[in-house]
Amino acid sequence: MAEKVKWYDKEVNSTVAKKVIDAVKEGCILVEGDAKRIQTPHVKTGRLRSSITHEVEGTITGATGRVGTNVKYARRHELGFVGVDSLGRKYNQKPYPYLRPALHKNEKEILKLFKDIVK
């Protein structure tokens, strides 16, 4: 006669989801820290650096992490800007990326965080 097996799917799913959310959060913290450490040549007040933050949203089906800032000129620093702004000033500003390099620097460590979940 076959044995009955009890499957704890809710508990397993909950545990795995928590580990995934924790890994996303830890990855975001790594990227945020390095983004804040990357220096740009035009630091005047440190407002951009101090505004860099992260947020994580997670459910039983997955997690999303974001690292960034709400400072208006942040995009110009990351991507550069060529053209005329809303005040009619002409710019040819080269990029001084800080988010993408921080992400690339931490890619291996972030992947390791997820690999460690399945060990």
N, C-alpha and C. Protein backbone atom coordinates (compact mmCIF):
# COMPACT_ATOMS: atom_id res chain seq x y z
N MET A 1 0.84 -1.18 0.00
CA MET A 1 0.00 0.00 0.00
C MET A 1 0.89 1.24 0.00
N ALA A 2 0.52 2.19 -0.77
CA ALA A 2 1.30 3.43 -0.89
C ALA A 2 1.13 4.31 0.34
N GLU A 3 2.26 4.92 0.74
CA GLU A 3 2.19 5.84 1.87
C GLU A 3 1.62 7.18 1.41
N LYS A 4 0.91 7.81 2.33
CA LYS A 4 0.42 9.15 2.05
C LYS A 4 1.55 10.13 2.35
N VAL A 5 1.71 11.07 1.47
CA VAL A 5 2.73 12.10 1.65
C VAL A 5 2.02 13.42 1.85
N LYS A 6 2.40 14.11 2.90
CA LYS A 6 1.80 15.42 3.15
C LYS A 6 2.71 16.47 2.52
N TRP A 7 2.15 17.28 1.71
CA TRP A 7 2.92 18.33 1.01
C TRP A 7 2.58 19.68 1.64
N TYR A 8 3.59 20.35 2.12
CA TYR A 8 3.41 21.63 2.79
C TYR A 8 3.65 22.77 1.79
N ASP A 9 2.82 22.84 0.77
CA ASP A 9 3.06 23.79 -0.31
C ASP A 9 3.00 25.25 0.14
N LYS A 10 2.05 25.60 1.00
CA LYS A 10 1.94 26.98 1.46
C LYS A 10 3.17 27.38 2.26
N GLU A 11 3.63 26.50 3.11
CA GLU A 11 4.80 26.80 3.92
C GLU A 11 6.06 26.89 3.05
N VAL A 12 6.19 25.97 2.10
CA VAL A 12 7.34 25.99 1.20
C VAL A 12 7.33 27.24 0.35
N ASN A 13 6.19 27.56 -0.25
CA ASN A 13 6.08 28.76 -1.07
C ASN A 13 6.38 30.02 -0.27
N SER A 14 5.87 30.08 0.93
CA SER A 14 6.09 31.24 1.78
C SER A 14 7.57 31.41 2.13
N THR A 15 8.23 30.31 2.45
CA THR A 15 9.64 30.34 2.80
C THR A 15 10.49 30.77 1.61
N VAL A 16 10.21 30.20 0.45
CA VAL A 16 10.96 30.55 -0.75
C VAL A 16 10.71 32.01 -1.12
N ALA A 17 9.47 32.45 -1.06
CA ALA A 17 9.15 33.84 -1.39
C ALA A 17 9.90 34.80 -0.47
N LYS A 18 9.95 34.49 0.81
CA LYS A 18 10.67 35.35 1.75
C LYS A 18 12.15 35.40 1.41
N LYS A 19 12.73 34.26 1.06
CA LYS A 19 14.15 34.22 0.70
C LYS A 19 14.42 35.02 -0.58
N VAL A 20 13.51 34.94 -1.54
CA VAL A 20 13.67 35.71 -2.79
C VAL A 20 13.58 37.20 -2.49
N ILE A 21 12.61 37.60 -1.71
CA ILE A 21 12.46 39.02 -1.36
C ILE A 21 13.70 39.51 -0.62
N ASP A 22 14.21 38.70 0.31
CA ASP A 22 15.42 39.07 1.05
C ASP A 22 16.62 39.21 0.11
N ALA A 23 16.74 38.32 -0.88
CA ALA A 23 17.85 38.38 -1.84
C ALA A 23 17.74 39.64 -2.71
N VAL A 24 16.53 39.96 -3.14
CA VAL A 24 16.33 41.18 -3.94
C VAL A 24 16.70 42.40 -3.10
N LYS A 25 16.25 42.43 -1.85
CA LYS A 25 16.56 43.55 -0.97
C LYS A 25 18.07 43.69 -0.78
N GLU A 26 18.74 42.58 -0.52
CA GLU A 26 20.19 42.63 -0.30
C GLU A 26 20.92 43.09 -1.57
N GLY A 27 20.44 42.63 -2.73
CA GLY A 27 21.03 43.08 -4.00
C GLY A 27 20.84 44.57 -4.21
N CYS A 28 19.66 45.07 -3.88
CA CYS A 28 19.40 46.51 -4.01
C CYS A 28 20.30 47.32 -3.08
N ILE A 29 20.52 46.83 -1.89
CA ILE A 29 21.38 47.53 -0.93
C ILE A 29 22.82 47.58 -1.46
N LEU A 30 23.29 46.50 -2.07
CA LEU A 30 24.63 46.50 -2.66
C LEU A 30 24.75 47.56 -3.75
N VAL A 31 23.77 47.57 -4.66
CA VAL A 31 23.80 48.53 -5.77
C VAL A 31 23.67 49.96 -5.26
N GLU A 32 22.77 50.19 -4.32
CA GLU A 32 22.59 51.53 -3.76
C GLU A 32 23.89 52.03 -3.14
N GLY A 33 24.55 51.19 -2.36
CA GLY A 33 25.79 51.60 -1.72
C GLY A 33 26.86 51.98 -2.71
N ASP A 34 27.04 51.17 -3.76
CA ASP A 34 28.06 51.49 -4.75
C ASP A 34 27.68 52.69 -5.59
N ALA A 35 26.40 52.86 -5.89
CA ALA A 35 25.97 54.04 -6.64
C ALA A 35 26.28 55.31 -5.86
N LYS A 36 26.14 55.27 -4.56
CA LYS A 36 26.44 56.44 -3.72
C LYS A 36 27.95 56.70 -3.64
N ARG A 37 28.75 55.64 -3.77
CA ARG A 37 30.20 55.81 -3.69
C ARG A 37 30.83 56.28 -4.98
N ILE A 38 30.16 56.06 -6.11
CA ILE A 38 30.72 56.47 -7.40
C ILE A 38 30.69 57.99 -7.47
N GLN A 39 31.83 58.56 -7.74
CA GLN A 39 31.95 60.02 -7.76
C GLN A 39 31.70 60.58 -9.17
N THR A 40 31.00 61.67 -9.24
CA THR A 40 30.86 62.40 -10.49
C THR A 40 31.65 63.70 -10.33
N PRO A 41 32.13 64.27 -11.42
CA PRO A 41 32.99 65.46 -11.31
C PRO A 41 32.26 66.73 -10.91
N HIS A 42 30.95 66.72 -10.88
CA HIS A 42 30.19 67.95 -10.63
C HIS A 42 29.49 67.94 -9.28
N VAL A 43 30.02 67.24 -8.29
CA VAL A 43 29.38 67.20 -6.98
C VAL A 43 29.51 68.57 -6.33
N LYS A 44 28.37 69.18 -6.05
CA LYS A 44 28.37 70.48 -5.37
C LYS A 44 27.76 70.35 -3.98
N THR A 45 26.57 69.78 -3.92
CA THR A 45 25.86 69.72 -2.64
C THR A 45 25.73 68.30 -2.09
N GLY A 46 25.89 67.29 -2.93
CA GLY A 46 25.69 65.91 -2.50
C GLY A 46 24.23 65.49 -2.51
N ARG A 47 23.36 66.35 -3.04
CA ARG A 47 21.92 66.06 -3.06
C ARG A 47 21.60 64.79 -3.84
N LEU A 48 22.20 64.65 -5.01
CA LEU A 48 21.94 63.45 -5.82
C LEU A 48 22.37 62.21 -5.06
N ARG A 49 23.56 62.21 -4.52
CA ARG A 49 24.07 61.05 -3.79
C ARG A 49 23.17 60.69 -2.61
N SER A 50 22.78 61.68 -1.86
CA SER A 50 21.97 61.40 -0.67
C SER A 50 20.54 60.97 -1.01
N SER A 51 20.11 61.25 -2.23
CA SER A 51 18.74 60.90 -2.61
C SER A 51 18.62 59.49 -3.18
N ILE A 52 19.74 58.83 -3.46
CA ILE A 52 19.69 57.48 -4.02
C ILE A 52 19.17 56.53 -2.95
N THR A 53 18.17 55.77 -3.32
CA THR A 53 17.53 54.85 -2.37
C THR A 53 17.05 53.61 -3.11
N HIS A 54 16.46 52.69 -2.38
CA HIS A 54 15.93 51.49 -3.01
C HIS A 54 14.55 51.17 -2.45
N GLU A 55 13.81 50.37 -3.22
CA GLU A 55 12.53 49.86 -2.76
C GLU A 55 12.35 48.46 -3.31
N VAL A 56 11.68 47.63 -2.55
CA VAL A 56 11.44 46.24 -2.94
C VAL A 56 9.97 45.94 -2.76
N GLU A 57 9.39 45.32 -3.77
CA GLU A 57 8.01 44.85 -3.71
C GLU A 57 8.04 43.34 -3.92
N GLY A 58 7.39 42.62 -3.06
CA GLY A 58 7.41 41.18 -3.20
C GLY A 58 6.08 40.54 -2.85
N THR A 59 5.80 39.47 -3.56
CA THR A 59 4.61 38.66 -3.28
C THR A 59 5.03 37.20 -3.33
N ILE A 60 4.09 36.33 -3.18
CA ILE A 60 4.36 34.89 -3.24
C ILE A 60 4.84 34.48 -4.64
N THR A 61 4.54 35.29 -5.66
CA THR A 61 4.90 34.92 -7.04
C THR A 61 6.16 35.59 -7.55
N GLY A 62 6.76 36.50 -6.79
CA GLY A 62 7.98 37.12 -7.25
C GLY A 62 8.29 38.41 -6.51
N ALA A 63 9.42 39.01 -6.87
CA ALA A 63 9.85 40.24 -6.21
C ALA A 63 10.51 41.16 -7.24
N THR A 64 10.36 42.45 -7.00
CA THR A 64 10.97 43.46 -7.85
C THR A 64 11.69 44.45 -6.96
N GLY A 65 12.91 44.79 -7.35
CA GLY A 65 13.67 45.79 -6.61
C GLY A 65 14.05 46.93 -7.54
N ARG A 66 14.06 48.13 -6.99
CA ARG A 66 14.44 49.31 -7.76
C ARG A 66 15.44 50.11 -6.96
N VAL A 67 16.44 50.63 -7.65
CA VAL A 67 17.40 51.54 -7.05
C VAL A 67 17.39 52.79 -7.91
N GLY A 68 17.26 53.95 -7.28
CA GLY A 68 17.23 55.18 -8.06
C GLY A 68 17.03 56.39 -7.18
N THR A 69 16.61 57.45 -7.82
CA THR A 69 16.44 58.73 -7.16
C THR A 69 15.30 59.49 -7.83
N ASN A 70 14.75 60.45 -7.12
CA ASN A 70 13.71 61.29 -7.70
C ASN A 70 14.23 62.68 -8.03
N VAL A 71 15.54 62.88 -7.95
CA VAL A 71 16.13 64.17 -8.28
C VAL A 71 16.02 64.38 -9.80
N LYS A 72 15.53 65.54 -10.20
CA LYS A 72 15.23 65.79 -11.61
C LYS A 72 16.44 65.66 -12.53
N TYR A 73 17.61 66.10 -12.09
CA TYR A 73 18.79 66.08 -12.96
C TYR A 73 19.54 64.75 -12.94
N ALA A 74 19.05 63.79 -12.20
CA ALA A 74 19.75 62.50 -12.09
C ALA A 74 19.87 61.80 -13.44
N ARG A 75 18.84 61.87 -14.24
CA ARG A 75 18.87 61.21 -15.55
C ARG A 75 19.96 61.80 -16.44
N ARG A 76 20.13 63.12 -16.37
CA ARG A 76 21.18 63.77 -17.16
C ARG A 76 22.56 63.29 -16.74
N HIS A 77 22.75 63.09 -15.45
CA HIS A 77 24.05 62.59 -14.99
C HIS A 77 24.29 61.18 -15.48
N GLU A 78 23.29 60.35 -15.40
CA GLU A 78 23.44 58.94 -15.78
C GLU A 78 23.60 58.78 -17.29
N LEU A 79 22.79 59.48 -18.08
CA LEU A 79 22.73 59.26 -19.52
C LEU A 79 23.35 60.37 -20.36
N GLY A 80 23.60 61.53 -19.76
CA GLY A 80 24.06 62.68 -20.54
C GLY A 80 22.87 63.39 -21.16
N PHE A 81 23.15 64.54 -21.78
CA PHE A 81 22.07 65.29 -22.42
C PHE A 81 22.65 66.15 -23.54
N VAL A 82 22.08 66.00 -24.71
CA VAL A 82 22.44 66.84 -25.85
C VAL A 82 21.16 67.43 -26.39
N GLY A 83 21.12 68.77 -26.47
CA GLY A 83 19.93 69.42 -26.98
C GLY A 83 19.62 70.68 -26.22
N VAL A 84 18.40 71.14 -26.41
CA VAL A 84 17.95 72.37 -25.79
C VAL A 84 16.99 72.02 -24.67
N ASP A 85 17.21 72.60 -23.49
CA ASP A 85 16.33 72.30 -22.36
C ASP A 85 15.07 73.17 -22.42
N SER A 86 14.23 73.04 -21.43
CA SER A 86 12.94 73.75 -21.43
C SER A 86 13.11 75.26 -21.30
N LEU A 87 14.28 75.72 -20.88
CA LEU A 87 14.54 77.16 -20.77
C LEU A 87 15.27 77.71 -21.99
N GLY A 88 15.50 76.86 -23.00
CA GLY A 88 16.14 77.30 -24.23
C GLY A 88 17.66 77.24 -24.20
N ARG A 89 18.24 76.68 -23.17
CA ARG A 89 19.70 76.57 -23.08
C ARG A 89 20.17 75.34 -23.84
N LYS A 90 21.29 75.49 -24.56
CA LYS A 90 21.85 74.38 -25.33
C LYS A 90 22.88 73.63 -24.49
N TYR A 91 22.79 72.31 -24.55
CA TYR A 91 23.70 71.47 -23.77
C TYR A 91 24.33 70.40 -24.64
N ASN A 92 25.54 70.06 -24.27
CA ASN A 92 26.22 68.88 -24.81
C ASN A 92 26.91 68.22 -23.62
N GLN A 93 26.12 67.72 -22.72
CA GLN A 93 26.61 67.18 -21.45
C GLN A 93 26.87 65.69 -21.59
N LYS A 94 28.11 65.29 -21.35
CA LYS A 94 28.43 63.87 -21.43
C LYS A 94 27.89 63.15 -20.20
N PRO A 95 27.66 61.85 -20.33
CA PRO A 95 27.12 61.09 -19.19
C PRO A 95 28.18 60.84 -18.12
N TYR A 96 27.72 60.79 -16.88
CA TYR A 96 28.52 60.38 -15.73
C TYR A 96 27.74 59.31 -15.00
N PRO A 97 27.72 58.11 -15.58
CA PRO A 97 26.87 57.05 -15.02
C PRO A 97 27.31 56.63 -13.62
N TYR A 98 26.34 56.32 -12.81
CA TYR A 98 26.58 55.86 -11.44
C TYR A 98 25.70 54.66 -11.11
N LEU A 99 24.51 54.57 -11.68
CA LEU A 99 23.62 53.44 -11.39
C LEU A 99 24.03 52.18 -12.17
N ARG A 100 24.21 52.32 -13.46
CA ARG A 100 24.57 51.14 -14.27
C ARG A 100 25.90 50.54 -13.85
N PRO A 101 26.94 51.35 -13.62
CA PRO A 101 28.19 50.74 -13.15
C PRO A 101 28.03 50.04 -11.80
N ALA A 102 27.21 50.60 -10.93
CA ALA A 102 26.98 49.97 -9.62
C ALA A 102 26.29 48.62 -9.80
N LEU A 103 25.33 48.56 -10.70
CA LEU A 103 24.65 47.30 -10.98
C LEU A 103 25.62 46.28 -11.56
N HIS A 104 26.39 46.69 -12.58
CA HIS A 104 27.32 45.76 -13.22
C HIS A 104 28.38 45.27 -12.25
N LYS A 105 28.83 46.13 -11.37
CA LYS A 105 29.84 45.75 -10.38
C LYS A 105 29.32 44.63 -9.47
N ASN A 106 28.03 44.63 -9.21
CA ASN A 106 27.44 43.69 -8.25
C ASN A 106 26.71 42.51 -8.89
N GLU A 107 26.75 42.39 -10.21
CA GLU A 107 25.99 41.33 -10.89
C GLU A 107 26.31 39.94 -10.34
N LYS A 108 27.59 39.62 -10.21
CA LYS A 108 27.96 38.27 -9.75
C LYS A 108 27.48 38.02 -8.33
N GLU A 109 27.62 39.00 -7.47
CA GLU A 109 27.18 38.84 -6.08
C GLU A 109 25.66 38.68 -6.00
N ILE A 110 24.93 39.43 -6.83
CA ILE A 110 23.47 39.32 -6.84
C ILE A 110 23.05 37.94 -7.33
N LEU A 111 23.68 37.45 -8.39
CA LEU A 111 23.37 36.10 -8.87
C LEU A 111 23.67 35.06 -7.81
N LYS A 112 24.76 35.25 -7.08
CA LYS A 112 25.11 34.33 -6.00
C LYS A 112 24.03 34.32 -4.91
N LEU A 113 23.45 35.48 -4.62
CA LEU A 113 22.38 35.53 -3.62
C LEU A 113 21.22 34.61 -3.99
N PHE A 114 20.89 34.58 -5.29
CA PHE A 114 19.79 33.73 -5.74
C PHE A 114 20.19 32.27 -5.82
N LYS A 115 21.44 32.00 -6.19
CA LYS A 115 21.91 30.62 -6.22
C LYS A 115 21.92 30.03 -4.82
N ASP A 116 22.23 30.86 -3.83
CA ASP A 116 22.28 30.38 -2.45
C ASP A 116 20.89 29.97 -1.93
N ILE A 117 19.84 30.49 -2.54
CA ILE A 117 18.48 30.14 -2.12
C ILE A 117 18.20 28.66 -2.37
N VAL A 118 18.67 28.14 -3.48
CA VAL A 118 18.36 26.77 -3.87
C VAL A 118 19.33 25.75 -3.29
N LYS A 119 20.32 26.19 -2.55
CA LYS A 119 21.26 25.25 -1.93
C LYS A 119 20.65 24.55 -0.75
